[in-house]
Amino acid sequence: MGILERIGEIEREIARTQKNKATEYHLGVLKAKLAKYRTQLLEPQGKKGEKGEGFDVMKSGDARVALIGFPSVGKSTLLSTLTNTQSVAASYEFTTLTCIPGVIEYKGANIQLLDLPGIIEGASQGKGRGRQVIAVARTADLVIMMVDVTKGEVQKELLTAELEAVGIRLNKKKPGIYFKQKKAGGIKFNATCTLTKVDEKMVQMILHEYKIFNAEVIFREDCTSDELIDVISGNRVYMPCLYVYNKIDQVSIEEVDRVAHIENSVVVSCNMKLNLDYLLDQTWEELSLLRIYTKKPGRAPDFSDPIILRGGASVEHVCHSIHRSIVAVFKYALVWGKSTKFNPQRVGIHHIMCDEDVIQIVSKK
């Protein structure tokens, strides 16, 4: 029996098993088996085949955004509208057959936008180059899930399920579970809060399914068995996602208003170029990029060429982005902006920067 048949058999068993106190341990073990087989499905099997045409593109710019969606929802039109790259767009499905990169120049940052081929149902099992598409999506900093507003909820649920199946968790944070495999000492289980979804017996059964008999597990929040399996697997990717509803010119204004109020959702029309500026604003917010301006002593700040960094960056990251030798001769920095209590403030190398801060670095003589 192949891996796909085993996965299908387990999924059918989970579907027909009643969820109650008596079956929760059995369901936990089935979910662990399912996660194990899905991981095996993603790993390349057998001998190395002939070298084919490359699918992934080199990472460039300050951030990477992946466009995912079913065929003919407007991904190529969006790429052509927002960037200078022309991606072939037509009224038939599967116009795009490979990964097409483009660059959005926004607020001084270069954001790489990837137009990926349309995903079909069963992509996580390899249908329609689905595995390659999803593998590229794992390397992105943000996923833009594009759906047709006329069948939005169905497409959104199917795409989310396909991405969940290959370990991509959208708009979720990492579970508060500490897990460390050991060489001896058995399974040490502890929890710093009241657990309502799992207990020690279920944790042991799931670990035994992975053939782990010596480990330390600490629950810092009330997590489910699925979240524990994610932590044990260790190959899950947690990333932000924007749900973009295209073709709003084909539905009523009441429907547009309803969809626009859904969390993490943006309504656009690529053909009529409606609301694309708001989409760029939301993309910038989700990526949480910082613009840091530099200043030389006795001169005005250089606002023409900002240094683009990720949210949570410190003065040390600014130094590294200018030149890696600066940290060795760093004395202190003067910072103007939202991250300081007064302007200018003298700060150390671990000071956390905010967007549009101005920095002047003072080195040792």
Protein backbone atom coordinates (compact mmCIF):
# COMPACT_ATOMS: atom_id res chain seq x y z
CA MET A 1 0.00 0.00 0.00
CA GLY A 2 1.42 3.40 -1.04
CA ILE A 3 1.68 6.49 1.17
CA LEU A 4 -1.28 8.19 -0.57
CA GLU A 5 -3.54 5.16 0.10
CA ARG A 6 -2.45 5.09 3.76
CA ILE A 7 -3.15 8.82 4.12
CA GLY A 8 -6.61 8.37 2.54
CA GLU A 9 -7.38 5.41 4.83
CA ILE A 10 -6.41 7.35 7.99
CA GLU A 11 -8.42 10.42 6.87
CA ARG A 12 -11.49 8.22 6.32
CA GLU A 13 -11.05 6.61 9.74
CA ILE A 14 -10.74 10.04 11.44
CA ALA A 15 -13.92 11.19 9.60
CA ARG A 16 -16.01 8.21 10.72
CA THR A 17 -14.72 8.14 14.33
CA GLN A 18 -17.00 9.86 16.83
CA LYS A 19 -15.28 12.56 18.88
CA ASN A 20 -15.74 11.91 22.61
CA LYS A 21 -13.74 11.12 25.76
CA ALA A 22 -13.42 7.44 24.88
CA THR A 23 -11.96 8.03 21.39
CA GLU A 24 -9.72 11.07 22.00
CA TYR A 25 -6.55 8.95 22.52
CA HIS A 26 -7.26 6.92 19.37
CA LEU A 27 -7.79 10.14 17.37
CA GLY A 28 -4.55 11.62 18.75
CA VAL A 29 -2.55 8.59 17.54
CA LEU A 30 -4.28 8.70 14.12
CA LYS A 31 -3.40 12.40 13.73
CA ALA A 32 0.24 11.64 14.61
CA LYS A 33 0.34 8.85 11.97
CA LEU A 34 -1.24 11.19 9.40
CA ALA A 35 1.35 13.93 10.08
CA LYS A 36 4.16 11.34 9.78
CA TYR A 37 2.95 10.07 6.39
CA ARG A 38 2.43 13.60 5.06
CA THR A 39 6.03 14.47 6.00
CA GLN A 40 7.22 11.35 4.13
CA LEU A 41 5.16 12.43 1.10
CA LEU A 42 7.03 15.76 0.91
CA GLU A 43 10.48 14.14 1.08
CA PRO A 44 11.97 13.09 -2.27
CA GLN A 45 11.80 9.33 -2.75
CA GLY A 46 14.06 6.91 -4.63
CA LYS A 47 16.99 7.66 -6.94
CA LYS A 48 17.87 11.13 -8.12
CA GLY A 49 16.17 11.72 -11.46
CA GLU A 50 17.31 13.81 -14.38
CA LYS A 51 17.77 17.49 -13.76
CA GLY A 52 14.61 19.30 -14.86
CA GLU A 53 13.74 22.94 -15.38
CA GLY A 54 14.24 25.04 -12.24
CA PHE A 55 11.03 26.20 -10.53
CA ASP A 56 12.14 28.32 -7.58
CA VAL A 57 13.71 31.73 -8.18
CA MET A 58 16.57 33.37 -6.31
CA LYS A 59 15.51 35.36 -3.25
CA SER A 60 16.11 39.07 -3.74
CA GLY A 61 14.94 42.39 -2.33
CA ASP A 62 14.00 43.19 1.26
CA ALA A 63 11.08 40.72 1.56
CA ARG A 64 9.40 37.95 -0.44
CA VAL A 65 5.63 37.67 -1.02
CA ALA A 66 4.03 34.60 -2.63
CA LEU A 67 0.78 34.84 -4.64
CA ILE A 68 -1.26 31.67 -4.17
CA GLY A 69 -4.68 30.85 -5.57
CA PHE A 70 -6.77 28.67 -7.83
CA PRO A 71 -6.38 29.07 -11.63
CA SER A 72 -7.94 32.18 -13.22
CA VAL A 73 -8.48 34.31 -10.09
CA GLY A 74 -6.30 37.21 -11.32
CA LYS A 75 -2.80 36.50 -9.91
CA SER A 76 -0.96 37.33 -13.16
CA THR A 77 -3.04 40.49 -13.67
CA LEU A 78 -2.14 41.65 -10.13
CA LEU A 79 1.59 40.98 -10.73
CA SER A 80 1.52 42.92 -14.03
CA THR A 81 -0.38 45.82 -12.38
CA LEU A 82 1.81 46.17 -9.26
CA THR A 83 5.22 45.50 -10.87
CA ASN A 84 6.99 46.21 -14.16
CA THR A 85 7.00 42.48 -14.97
CA GLN A 86 4.52 41.27 -17.56
CA SER A 87 2.97 37.89 -16.69
CA VAL A 88 0.77 36.38 -19.42
CA ALA A 89 -2.91 36.72 -18.42
CA ALA A 90 -5.78 35.10 -20.33
CA SER A 91 -9.38 33.95 -19.78
CA TYR A 92 -8.43 30.24 -19.72
CA GLU A 93 -7.03 28.29 -16.75
CA PHE A 94 -3.32 27.43 -16.19
CA THR A 95 -1.98 30.38 -18.21
CA THR A 96 0.98 30.54 -15.80
CA LEU A 97 2.97 27.28 -15.72
CA THR A 98 6.10 28.34 -13.82
CA CYS A 99 7.12 30.79 -11.06
CA ILE A 100 7.29 34.39 -12.36
CA PRO A 101 9.02 36.98 -10.12
CA GLY A 102 8.36 40.72 -10.04
CA VAL A 103 9.54 43.58 -7.81
CA ILE A 104 7.26 46.09 -6.04
CA GLU A 105 9.05 49.35 -5.21
CA TYR A 106 7.17 50.73 -2.20
CA LYS A 107 8.27 53.23 0.48
CA GLY A 108 11.90 52.76 -0.49
CA ALA A 109 11.76 48.95 -0.16
CA ASN A 110 12.07 46.34 -2.91
CA ILE A 111 9.49 43.61 -2.26
CA GLN A 112 9.78 40.47 -4.41
CA LEU A 113 6.36 39.26 -5.58
CA LEU A 114 6.10 35.70 -6.90
CA ASP A 115 3.30 34.75 -9.29
CA LEU A 116 2.88 31.00 -8.71
CA PRO A 117 0.89 28.63 -10.97
CA GLY A 118 -2.71 27.95 -9.93
CA ILE A 119 -3.22 25.33 -7.22
CA ILE A 120 -5.82 22.60 -7.67
CA GLU A 121 -7.48 20.40 -5.06
CA GLY A 122 -5.05 17.65 -4.04
CA ALA A 123 -1.97 19.87 -4.56
CA SER A 124 -0.46 18.72 -1.23
CA GLN A 125 -0.35 15.18 -2.69
CA GLY A 126 1.54 16.39 -5.78
CA LYS A 127 -1.29 17.07 -8.26
CA GLY A 128 -0.67 19.80 -10.86
CA ARG A 129 2.89 20.66 -9.71
CA GLY A 130 1.30 21.40 -6.34
CA ARG A 131 4.29 20.29 -4.28
CA GLN A 132 6.66 22.62 -6.12
CA VAL A 133 4.27 25.57 -5.76
CA ILE A 134 3.86 24.95 -2.02
CA ALA A 135 7.62 24.45 -1.54
CA VAL A 136 8.23 27.96 -2.97
CA ALA A 137 5.46 29.36 -0.73
CA ARG A 138 7.31 28.01 2.36
CA THR A 139 10.25 30.33 1.59
CA ALA A 140 8.09 33.49 1.51
CA ASP A 141 7.70 36.08 4.29
CA LEU A 142 4.03 36.66 3.48
CA VAL A 143 1.38 34.71 1.57
CA ILE A 144 -1.22 36.59 -0.47
CA MET A 145 -4.07 34.13 -1.00
CA MET A 146 -6.06 35.32 -3.98
CA VAL A 147 -9.66 34.13 -4.30
CA ASP A 148 -12.61 34.89 -6.55
CA VAL A 149 -15.14 36.93 -4.51
CA THR A 150 -18.05 35.00 -6.13
CA LYS A 151 -16.81 31.70 -4.60
CA GLY A 152 -14.44 33.10 -1.98
CA GLU A 153 -15.20 31.07 1.15
CA VAL A 154 -15.03 27.68 -0.63
CA GLN A 155 -11.72 28.52 -2.31
CA LYS A 156 -10.29 29.96 0.92
CA GLU A 157 -11.11 26.80 2.92
CA LEU A 158 -9.72 24.45 0.25
CA LEU A 159 -6.47 26.40 -0.13
CA THR A 160 -5.98 26.67 3.65
CA ALA A 161 -6.52 22.88 3.97
CA GLU A 162 -3.93 22.21 1.21
CA LEU A 163 -1.35 24.46 2.91
CA GLU A 164 -2.11 22.99 6.36
CA ALA A 165 -1.48 19.49 4.93
CA VAL A 166 2.12 20.41 4.06
CA GLY A 167 2.91 22.21 7.31
CA ILE A 168 2.18 25.87 6.47
CA ARG A 169 0.22 27.53 9.28
CA LEU A 170 -1.42 30.79 8.23
CA ASN A 171 -1.99 33.64 10.72
CA LYS A 172 -1.11 31.43 13.68
CA LYS A 173 1.60 31.78 16.29
CA LYS A 174 3.91 29.00 17.43
CA PRO A 175 2.37 26.85 20.20
CA GLY A 176 3.67 27.48 23.72
CA ILE A 177 5.12 23.98 24.08
CA TYR A 178 8.72 23.22 25.06
CA PHE A 179 9.91 19.91 23.59
CA LYS A 180 13.38 18.39 23.81
CA GLN A 181 14.35 14.84 22.89
CA LYS A 182 16.81 13.17 25.31
CA LYS A 183 18.95 10.02 25.34
CA ALA A 184 17.64 8.64 28.65
CA GLY A 185 15.35 9.35 31.59
CA GLY A 186 11.94 8.52 30.10
CA ILE A 187 9.23 11.08 29.31
CA LYS A 188 9.07 14.06 31.70
CA PHE A 189 5.78 15.88 31.35
CA ASN A 190 4.81 19.18 32.97
CA ALA A 191 2.29 21.98 32.46
CA THR A 192 2.27 25.55 33.78
CA CYS A 193 -1.49 25.94 33.13
CA THR A 194 -4.66 23.83 33.33
CA LEU A 195 -4.93 21.53 30.30
CA THR A 196 -8.41 20.82 28.92
CA LYS A 197 -7.59 19.38 25.48
CA VAL A 198 -4.77 16.88 26.21
CA ASP A 199 -3.39 14.97 29.18
CA GLU A 200 -0.17 13.10 30.03
CA LYS A 201 -1.44 9.79 28.62
CA MET A 202 -2.23 11.32 25.21
CA VAL A 203 1.18 13.06 25.08
CA GLN A 204 2.91 9.72 25.79
CA MET A 205 0.85 7.89 23.12
CA ILE A 206 1.66 10.53 20.48
CA LEU A 207 5.38 10.45 21.38
CA HIS A 208 5.40 6.62 21.23
CA GLU A 209 3.88 6.82 17.73
CA TYR A 210 6.99 8.82 16.73
CA LYS A 211 9.14 6.19 18.57
CA ILE A 212 10.22 8.80 21.12
CA PHE A 213 10.62 7.28 24.60
CA ASN A 214 12.95 9.84 26.25
CA ALA A 215 11.93 13.49 26.13
CA GLU A 216 10.98 16.56 28.16
CA VAL A 217 7.63 18.23 27.37
CA ILE A 218 6.38 21.43 29.03
CA PHE A 219 3.01 22.96 28.12
CA ARG A 220 3.01 26.74 28.70
CA GLU A 221 -0.52 27.17 27.30
CA ASP A 222 -3.64 25.05 26.75
CA CYS A 223 -2.74 23.48 23.37
CA THR A 224 -4.39 20.75 21.30
CA SER A 225 -2.94 17.41 20.16
CA ASP A 226 -2.52 18.87 16.64
CA GLU A 227 -0.29 21.65 18.00
CA LEU A 228 1.79 19.10 19.94
CA ILE A 229 2.28 17.09 16.70
CA ASP A 230 3.39 20.32 14.95
CA VAL A 231 6.04 20.91 17.65
CA ILE A 232 7.30 17.29 17.52
CA SER A 233 7.51 17.37 13.70
CA GLY A 234 9.59 20.55 13.85
CA ASN A 235 9.10 21.40 10.15
CA ARG A 236 6.08 23.69 10.40
CA VAL A 237 6.21 27.22 8.98
CA TYR A 238 4.16 29.97 10.67
CA MET A 239 3.55 32.94 8.38
CA PRO A 240 1.14 35.85 7.97
CA CYS A 241 -1.46 35.69 5.19
CA LEU A 242 -3.62 38.29 3.44
CA TYR A 243 -6.85 37.05 1.84
CA VAL A 244 -7.36 39.09 -1.33
CA TYR A 245 -10.86 38.92 -2.84
CA ASN A 246 -10.65 39.82 -6.53
CA LYS A 247 -13.39 40.69 -9.08
CA ILE A 248 -15.43 42.87 -6.67
CA ASP A 249 -16.93 44.62 -9.72
CA GLN A 250 -19.04 41.46 -10.30
CA VAL A 251 -20.91 41.48 -6.94
CA SER A 252 -23.19 43.87 -5.03
CA ILE A 253 -21.86 46.64 -2.76
CA GLU A 254 -23.41 44.87 0.29
CA GLU A 255 -21.39 41.71 -0.45
CA VAL A 256 -18.20 43.78 -0.89
CA ASP A 257 -18.86 45.47 2.48
CA ARG A 258 -19.39 42.07 4.19
CA VAL A 259 -16.19 40.55 2.76
CA ALA A 260 -14.13 43.69 3.52
CA HIS A 261 -14.92 43.33 7.25
CA ILE A 262 -13.53 39.75 7.44
CA GLU A 263 -10.25 39.62 9.38
CA ASN A 264 -7.03 39.81 7.27
CA SER A 265 -9.08 40.43 4.11
CA VAL A 266 -8.67 42.98 1.30
CA VAL A 267 -11.16 43.48 -1.55
CA VAL A 268 -9.77 44.49 -4.95
CA SER A 269 -10.53 44.55 -8.65
CA CYS A 270 -7.38 44.05 -10.75
CA ASN A 271 -9.14 44.80 -14.05
CA MET A 272 -10.56 48.12 -12.82
CA LYS A 273 -7.53 48.84 -10.55
CA LEU A 274 -9.76 49.28 -7.46
CA ASN A 275 -8.29 49.38 -3.90
CA LEU A 276 -4.77 48.29 -4.96
CA ASP A 277 -3.15 51.10 -2.91
CA TYR A 278 -4.81 49.71 0.25
CA LEU A 279 -3.51 46.23 -0.64
CA LEU A 280 0.05 47.62 -0.78
CA ASP A 281 -0.47 49.36 2.59
CA GLN A 282 -1.68 46.11 4.19
CA THR A 283 1.22 44.16 2.64
CA TRP A 284 3.66 46.66 4.18
CA GLU A 285 1.91 46.35 7.58
CA GLU A 286 1.99 42.51 7.52
CA LEU A 287 5.68 42.41 6.55
CA SER A 288 6.41 44.88 9.41
CA LEU A 289 9.42 46.41 7.68
CA LEU A 290 11.33 49.38 9.13
CA ARG A 291 12.84 52.34 7.28
CA ILE A 292 15.94 53.65 9.07
CA TYR A 293 17.55 56.88 7.86
CA THR A 294 21.24 57.62 8.46
CA LYS A 295 22.73 60.98 9.46
CA LYS A 296 26.31 62.26 9.29
CA PRO A 297 27.53 64.69 12.03
CA GLY A 298 26.67 68.32 11.22
CA ARG A 299 24.51 67.37 8.19
CA ALA A 300 20.81 66.80 7.54
CA PRO A 301 19.53 63.17 7.48
CA ASP A 302 19.57 61.33 4.12
CA PHE A 303 15.86 60.66 3.48
CA SER A 304 16.43 59.51 -0.12
CA ASP A 305 17.92 56.07 0.61
CA PRO A 306 16.57 54.34 3.76
CA ILE A 307 18.00 51.14 5.23
CA ILE A 308 15.20 48.51 5.17
CA LEU A 309 15.15 46.13 8.16
CA ARG A 310 12.71 43.66 9.74
CA GLY A 311 10.54 44.58 12.74
CA GLY A 312 12.36 44.22 16.06
CA ALA A 313 15.75 45.18 14.58
CA SER A 314 18.29 46.78 16.90
CA VAL A 315 21.13 49.29 16.42
CA GLU A 316 23.43 46.28 15.90
CA HIS A 317 21.39 45.20 12.83
CA VAL A 318 21.69 48.76 11.45
CA CYS A 319 25.48 48.62 11.89
CA HIS A 320 25.69 45.23 10.11
CA SER A 321 23.59 46.48 7.19
CA ILE A 322 25.96 49.46 6.69
CA HIS A 323 29.21 47.47 7.15
CA ARG A 324 30.08 44.48 9.33
CA SER A 325 33.24 46.18 10.72
CA ILE A 326 31.25 49.01 12.39
CA VAL A 327 30.18 46.87 15.40
CA ALA A 328 33.85 46.41 16.45
CA VAL A 329 34.43 50.21 16.68
CA PHE A 330 30.90 51.16 17.88
CA LYS A 331 30.82 53.58 20.85
CA TYR A 332 27.21 54.82 20.96
CA ALA A 333 24.46 56.06 18.63
CA LEU A 334 22.23 59.14 18.58
CA VAL A 335 18.65 58.30 17.58
CA TRP A 336 15.74 60.58 16.64
CA GLY A 337 12.23 59.12 16.29
CA LYS A 338 9.47 57.04 17.86
CA SER A 339 11.81 54.59 19.62
CA THR A 340 13.26 57.30 21.89
CA LYS A 341 11.92 59.20 24.90
CA PHE A 342 13.51 62.48 23.73
CA ASN A 343 15.34 63.64 20.59
CA PRO A 344 18.16 62.94 20.13
CA GLN A 345 18.71 60.11 22.62
CA ARG A 346 22.08 58.48 23.20
CA VAL A 347 21.58 54.70 22.97
CA GLY A 348 23.59 51.47 23.11
CA ILE A 349 23.97 48.73 20.52
CA HIS A 350 20.92 46.73 21.76
CA HIS A 351 18.41 49.60 21.41
CA ILE A 352 15.32 48.49 19.39
CA MET A 353 14.53 50.71 16.41
CA CYS A 354 11.13 51.89 15.08
CA ASP A 355 9.95 52.79 11.58
CA GLU A 356 11.37 56.07 10.18
CA ASP A 357 13.95 56.52 12.96
CA VAL A 358 17.06 58.61 12.19
CA ILE A 359 20.42 57.29 13.46
CA GLN A 360 23.88 58.78 13.80
CA ILE A 361 26.60 56.29 14.79
CA VAL A 362 29.57 57.48 16.85
CA SER A 363 32.68 55.26 16.71
CA LYS A 364 35.63 54.85 19.08
CA LYS A 365 38.56 57.12 18.28
